[in-house]
Amino acid sequence: MQKTSLSEHRFFLLPLGRYAKESYSCIFGQSQVVEVMQEIIACEVPFCPRFMRGAAVYGEQLLPVICPEEMLGLADPAEQGPYRQFIVIRSAAVDPASGTNLLAMVASSRGLQIPQNEEDKNLEYFSPSDQVPANGGLLNGIYSGQGRRLISIDFDRLLLGAAMEAVA
């Protein structure tokens, strides 16, 4: 375990749910969040993983709509309400065809938050190996503190896989 201070970094939290008596949130760096929208028009995409809720038009691009609760095995049907926000996320990965950063849309029924507590900024880092029910190798890491876990999803790997399949 490695002690990490996030106090000099600006980030956002997206509450996901509870598992094994701990609260989980997805963590996004300030440079990752492009836009937060209240409504979108998305179409279903057949034969996609369960966590992919469809695709939506953003500007001139078609973006995957991803549900992190489903991806991480944290979805609780009793708590899942309608999606309140759609967060456009910028990946550091570059589209091999266009040379631009890949984007995705994250569906949220709870809403993006700015951390207010100092406890949210002094956390311990854990390897993502078995800290959440399902991770599929798509996690960068997990930060833990004060009975909550902050999960960093590897959107680069997730989106590069989709981009490479589209080009092939």
C-alpha atoms as a PDB file:
ATOM      1  CA  MET A   1       0.000   0.000   0.000  1.00  0.00           C
ATOM      2  CA  GLN A   2       1.202   3.403  -0.923  1.00  0.00           C
ATOM      3  CA  LYS A   3       0.013   6.648   0.680  1.00  0.00           C
ATOM      4  CA  THR A   4      -1.033   9.169  -1.951  1.00  0.00           C
ATOM      5  CA  SER A   5      -2.051  12.775  -1.506  1.00  0.00           C
ATOM      6  CA  LEU A   6      -4.487  14.089  -4.066  1.00  0.00           C
ATOM      7  CA  SER A   7      -4.693  17.554  -2.488  1.00  0.00           C
ATOM      8  CA  GLU A   8      -2.819  19.273  -5.314  1.00  0.00           C
ATOM      9  CA  HIS A   9      -4.900  17.509  -7.980  1.00  0.00           C
ATOM     10  CA  ARG A  10      -8.367  18.624  -9.082  1.00  0.00           C
ATOM     11  CA  PHE A  11     -10.787  15.782  -9.535  1.00  0.00           C
ATOM     12  CA  PHE A  12     -14.454  14.809  -9.595  1.00  0.00           C
ATOM     13  CA  LEU A  13     -16.255  11.897  -7.970  1.00  0.00           C
ATOM     14  CA  LEU A  14     -19.115   9.878  -9.410  1.00  0.00           C
ATOM     15  CA  PRO A  15     -20.883   7.813  -6.705  1.00  0.00           C
ATOM     16  CA  LEU A  16     -21.447   4.232  -7.900  1.00  0.00           C
ATOM     17  CA  GLY A  17     -22.907   2.256  -5.016  1.00  0.00           C
ATOM     18  CA  ARG A  18     -22.012   0.006  -2.107  1.00  0.00           C
ATOM     19  CA  TYR A  19     -20.304  -3.372  -1.961  1.00  0.00           C
ATOM     20  CA  ALA A  20     -19.120  -5.264   1.125  1.00  0.00           C
ATOM     21  CA  LYS A  21     -20.059  -2.347   3.423  1.00  0.00           C
ATOM     22  CA  GLU A  22     -17.972   0.172   1.510  1.00  0.00           C
ATOM     23  CA  SER A  23     -19.067   3.030  -0.691  1.00  0.00           C
ATOM     24  CA  TYR A  24     -17.584   3.165  -4.201  1.00  0.00           C
ATOM     25  CA  SER A  25     -17.105   6.166  -6.466  1.00  0.00           C
ATOM     26  CA  CYS A  26     -15.437   6.590  -9.824  1.00  0.00           C
ATOM     27  CA  ILE A  27     -12.710   9.244  -9.860  1.00  0.00           C
ATOM     28  CA  PHE A  28     -12.109  11.528 -12.865  1.00  0.00           C
ATOM     29  CA  GLY A  29      -9.309  14.056 -13.292  1.00  0.00           C
ATOM     30  CA  GLN A  30     -10.286  17.599 -14.187  1.00  0.00           C
ATOM     31  CA  SER A  31      -8.761  17.218 -17.656  1.00  0.00           C
ATOM     32  CA  GLN A  32     -10.890  14.114 -18.335  1.00  0.00           C
ATOM     33  CA  VAL A  33     -14.288  15.787 -17.909  1.00  0.00           C
ATOM     34  CA  VAL A  34     -15.240  17.540 -21.134  1.00  0.00           C
ATOM     35  CA  GLU A  35     -18.921  18.267 -20.525  1.00  0.00           C
ATOM     36  CA  VAL A  36     -21.812  17.243 -18.284  1.00  0.00           C
ATOM     37  CA  MET A  37     -25.211  16.931 -19.964  1.00  0.00           C
ATOM     38  CA  GLN A  38     -28.674  16.303 -18.564  1.00  0.00           C
ATOM     39  CA  GLU A  39     -30.257  14.694 -21.621  1.00  0.00           C
ATOM     40  CA  ILE A  40     -29.059  12.778 -24.629  1.00  0.00           C
ATOM     41  CA  ILE A  41     -30.591  10.643 -27.323  1.00  0.00           C
ATOM     42  CA  ALA A  42     -28.915   7.251 -27.322  1.00  0.00           C
ATOM     43  CA  CYS A  43     -29.573   4.238 -29.460  1.00  0.00           C
ATOM     44  CA  GLU A  44     -29.037   0.655 -28.363  1.00  0.00           C
ATOM     45  CA  VAL A  45     -26.180  -1.249 -29.948  1.00  0.00           C
ATOM     46  CA  PRO A  46     -26.815  -4.989 -30.244  1.00  0.00           C
ATOM     47  CA  PHE A  47     -24.300  -7.580 -29.015  1.00  0.00           C
ATOM     48  CA  CYS A  48     -22.425  -5.121 -26.779  1.00  0.00           C
ATOM     49  CA  PRO A  49     -21.282  -5.817 -23.238  1.00  0.00           C
ATOM     50  CA  ARG A  50     -23.984  -5.182 -20.641  1.00  0.00           C
ATOM     51  CA  PHE A  51     -22.197  -2.072 -19.313  1.00  0.00           C
ATOM     52  CA  MET A  52     -22.449  -0.349 -22.698  1.00  0.00           C
ATOM     53  CA  ARG A  53     -25.833   1.332 -22.685  1.00  0.00           C
ATOM     54  CA  GLY A  54     -25.702   2.320 -26.334  1.00  0.00           C
ATOM     55  CA  ALA A  55     -24.234   5.060 -28.467  1.00  0.00           C
ATOM     56  CA  ALA A  56     -25.004   8.789 -28.626  1.00  0.00           C
ATOM     57  CA  VAL A  57     -24.141  11.583 -31.003  1.00  0.00           C
ATOM     58  CA  TYR A  58     -21.843  14.240 -29.552  1.00  0.00           C
ATOM     59  CA  GLY A  59     -20.912  16.982 -32.017  1.00  0.00           C
ATOM     60  CA  GLU A  60     -19.928  15.023 -35.101  1.00  0.00           C
ATOM     61  CA  GLN A  61     -18.893  11.895 -33.210  1.00  0.00           C
ATOM     62  CA  LEU A  62     -20.726   8.770 -32.151  1.00  0.00           C
ATOM     63  CA  LEU A  63     -19.724   7.960 -28.553  1.00  0.00           C
ATOM     64  CA  PRO A  64     -20.222   4.805 -26.509  1.00  0.00           C
ATOM     65  CA  VAL A  65     -22.464   5.321 -23.463  1.00  0.00           C
ATOM     66  CA  ILE A  66     -20.951   3.420 -20.541  1.00  0.00           C
ATOM     67  CA  CYS A  67     -22.487   2.505 -17.183  1.00  0.00           C
ATOM     68  CA  PRO A  68     -19.634   2.080 -14.660  1.00  0.00           C
ATOM     69  CA  GLU A  69     -21.885   0.353 -12.083  1.00  0.00           C
ATOM     70  CA  GLU A  70     -22.602  -2.440 -14.558  1.00  0.00           C
ATOM     71  CA  MET A  71     -18.974  -2.612 -15.677  1.00  0.00           C
ATOM     72  CA  LEU A  72     -17.727  -3.062 -12.113  1.00  0.00           C
ATOM     73  CA  GLY A  73     -20.492  -5.344 -10.869  1.00  0.00           C
ATOM     74  CA  LEU A  74     -21.799  -2.674  -8.465  1.00  0.00           C
ATOM     75  CA  ALA A  75     -25.234  -2.194 -10.046  1.00  0.00           C
ATOM     76  CA  ASP A  76     -28.108  -2.606  -7.616  1.00  0.00           C
ATOM     77  CA  PRO A  77     -31.459  -2.767  -9.445  1.00  0.00           C
ATOM     78  CA  ALA A  78     -33.218  -1.437  -6.321  1.00  0.00           C
ATOM     79  CA  GLU A  79     -31.091   1.745  -6.401  1.00  0.00           C
ATOM     80  CA  GLN A  80     -30.858   2.229 -10.169  1.00  0.00           C
ATOM     81  CA  GLY A  81     -33.053   5.139 -11.179  1.00  0.00           C
ATOM     82  CA  PRO A  82     -33.155   7.009 -14.451  1.00  0.00           C
ATOM     83  CA  TYR A  83     -29.874   8.526 -15.586  1.00  0.00           C
ATOM     84  CA  ARG A  84     -29.564  12.125 -14.338  1.00  0.00           C
ATOM     85  CA  GLN A  85     -26.316  13.046 -16.053  1.00  0.00           C
ATOM     86  CA  PHE A  86     -24.191  12.029 -18.986  1.00  0.00           C
ATOM     87  CA  ILE A  87     -20.543  12.922 -18.544  1.00  0.00           C
ATOM     88  CA  VAL A  88     -18.362  13.239 -21.642  1.00  0.00           C
ATOM     89  CA  ILE A  89     -14.925  11.865 -20.753  1.00  0.00           C
ATOM     90  CA  ARG A  90     -11.711  12.569 -22.682  1.00  0.00           C
ATOM     91  CA  SER A  91      -9.272   9.701 -22.887  1.00  0.00           C
ATOM     92  CA  ALA A  92      -5.526  10.124 -23.286  1.00  0.00           C
ATOM     93  CA  ALA A  93      -5.735   7.461 -26.002  1.00  0.00           C
ATOM     94  CA  VAL A  94      -5.760   8.686 -29.587  1.00  0.00           C
ATOM     95  CA  ASP A  95      -8.044   7.423 -32.335  1.00  0.00           C
ATOM     96  CA  PRO A  96      -5.795   5.631 -34.853  1.00  0.00           C
ATOM     97  CA  ALA A  97      -7.908   6.878 -37.784  1.00  0.00           C
ATOM     98  CA  SER A  98      -8.401  10.580 -36.904  1.00  0.00           C
ATOM     99  CA  GLY A  99      -5.498  11.308 -34.534  1.00  0.00           C
ATOM    100  CA  THR A 100      -7.840  12.926 -31.968  1.00  0.00           C
ATOM    101  CA  ASN A 101      -8.387  11.956 -28.348  1.00  0.00           C
ATOM    102  CA  LEU A 102     -11.034   9.286 -27.889  1.00  0.00           C
ATOM    103  CA  LEU A 103     -14.180  10.281 -26.010  1.00  0.00           C
ATOM    104  CA  ALA A 104     -16.855   8.325 -24.152  1.00  0.00           C
ATOM    105  CA  MET A 105     -20.063   9.178 -22.361  1.00  0.00           C
ATOM    106  CA  VAL A 106     -20.587   7.924 -18.804  1.00  0.00           C
ATOM    107  CA  ALA A 107     -24.199   7.469 -17.673  1.00  0.00           C
ATOM    108  CA  SER A 108     -24.931   8.438 -14.068  1.00  0.00           C
ATOM    109  CA  SER A 109     -28.073   8.094 -11.991  1.00  0.00           C
ATOM    110  CA  ARG A 110     -26.456   9.923  -9.053  1.00  0.00           C
ATOM    111  CA  GLY A 111     -24.559  12.875 -10.522  1.00  0.00           C
ATOM    112  CA  LEU A 112     -20.960  14.115 -10.601  1.00  0.00           C
ATOM    113  CA  GLN A 113     -19.585  15.649  -7.383  1.00  0.00           C
ATOM    114  CA  ILE A 114     -16.657  17.839  -6.389  1.00  0.00           C
ATOM    115  CA  PRO A 115     -14.935  16.432  -3.264  1.00  0.00           C
ATOM    116  CA  GLN A 116     -15.458  18.708  -0.269  1.00  0.00           C
ATOM    117  CA  ASN A 117     -13.715  16.790   2.511  1.00  0.00           C
ATOM    118  CA  GLU A 118      -9.994  16.798   3.167  1.00  0.00           C
ATOM    119  CA  GLU A 119     -10.340  13.039   3.857  1.00  0.00           C
ATOM    120  CA  ASP A 120     -11.132  12.532   0.156  1.00  0.00           C
ATOM    121  CA  LYS A 121      -7.695  13.905  -0.707  1.00  0.00           C
ATOM    122  CA  ASN A 122      -5.448  11.753   1.513  1.00  0.00           C
ATOM    123  CA  LEU A 123      -5.958   8.183   0.420  1.00  0.00           C
ATOM    124  CA  GLU A 124      -4.156   4.873   0.195  1.00  0.00           C
ATOM    125  CA  TYR A 125      -3.571   3.278  -3.193  1.00  0.00           C
ATOM    126  CA  PHE A 126      -4.519  -0.374  -3.766  1.00  0.00           C
ATOM    127  CA  SER A 127      -3.984  -2.640  -6.734  1.00  0.00           C
ATOM    128  CA  PRO A 128      -7.327  -3.287  -8.423  1.00  0.00           C
ATOM    129  CA  SER A 129      -6.841  -7.081  -8.420  1.00  0.00           C
ATOM    130  CA  ASP A 130      -9.708  -8.180  -6.175  1.00  0.00           C
ATOM    131  CA  GLN A 131     -11.008  -4.983  -4.602  1.00  0.00           C
ATOM    132  CA  VAL A 132     -14.247  -4.853  -6.625  1.00  0.00           C
ATOM    133  CA  PRO A 133     -16.554  -7.656  -7.738  1.00  0.00           C
ATOM    134  CA  ALA A 134     -15.663  -7.382 -11.427  1.00  0.00           C
ATOM    135  CA  ASN A 135     -13.001  -5.313 -13.124  1.00  0.00           C
ATOM    136  CA  GLY A 136     -12.141  -7.106 -16.368  1.00  0.00           C
ATOM    137  CA  GLY A 137      -8.649  -5.609 -16.294  1.00  0.00           C
ATOM    138  CA  LEU A 138     -10.096  -2.151 -16.964  1.00  0.00           C
ATOM    139  CA  LEU A 139      -9.019  -0.439 -13.749  1.00  0.00           C
ATOM    140  CA  ASN A 140      -5.952   1.750 -13.218  1.00  0.00           C
ATOM    141  CA  GLY A 141      -6.202   1.521  -9.468  1.00  0.00           C
ATOM    142  CA  ILE A 142      -8.256   2.001  -6.350  1.00  0.00           C
ATOM    143  CA  TYR A 143      -7.804   4.636  -3.669  1.00  0.00           C
ATOM    144  CA  SER A 144      -9.208   3.934  -0.227  1.00  0.00           C
ATOM    145  CA  GLY A 145     -10.000   5.994   2.843  1.00  0.00           C
ATOM    146  CA  GLN A 146     -12.775   6.768   5.332  1.00  0.00           C
ATOM    147  CA  GLY A 147     -14.878   3.700   4.403  1.00  0.00           C
ATOM    148  CA  ARG A 148     -14.991   4.501   0.715  1.00  0.00           C
ATOM    149  CA  ARG A 149     -13.135   3.389  -2.377  1.00  0.00           C
ATOM    150  CA  LEU A 150     -12.357   5.641  -5.338  1.00  0.00           C
ATOM    151  CA  ILE A 151     -11.936   3.711  -8.571  1.00  0.00           C
ATOM    152  CA  SER A 152      -9.899   4.878 -11.549  1.00  0.00           C
ATOM    153  CA  ILE A 153     -11.218   3.249 -14.739  1.00  0.00           C
ATOM    154  CA  ASP A 154      -8.778   2.703 -17.598  1.00  0.00           C
ATOM    155  CA  PHE A 155     -10.803   4.483 -20.300  1.00  0.00           C
ATOM    156  CA  ASP A 156      -7.746   4.440 -22.591  1.00  0.00           C
ATOM    157  CA  ARG A 157      -7.726   0.658 -22.719  1.00  0.00           C
ATOM    158  CA  LEU A 158     -11.509   0.432 -22.921  1.00  0.00           C
ATOM    159  CA  LEU A 159     -11.808   2.919 -25.792  1.00  0.00           C
ATOM    160  CA  LEU A 160      -8.708   1.794 -27.683  1.00  0.00           C
ATOM    161  CA  GLY A 161     -10.158  -1.705 -27.796  1.00  0.00           C
ATOM    162  CA  ALA A 162     -13.382  -0.342 -29.284  1.00  0.00           C
ATOM    163  CA  ALA A 163     -11.494   1.916 -31.727  1.00  0.00           C
ATOM    164  CA  MET A 164      -9.267  -0.915 -32.913  1.00  0.00           C
ATOM    165  CA  GLU A 165     -12.328  -3.135 -33.500  1.00  0.00           C
ATOM    166  CA  ALA A 166     -13.969  -0.337 -35.517  1.00  0.00           C
ATOM    167  CA  VAL A 167     -10.873   0.115 -37.716  1.00  0.00           C
ATOM    168  CA  ALA A 168     -10.375  -3.647 -38.282  1.00  0.00           C
END
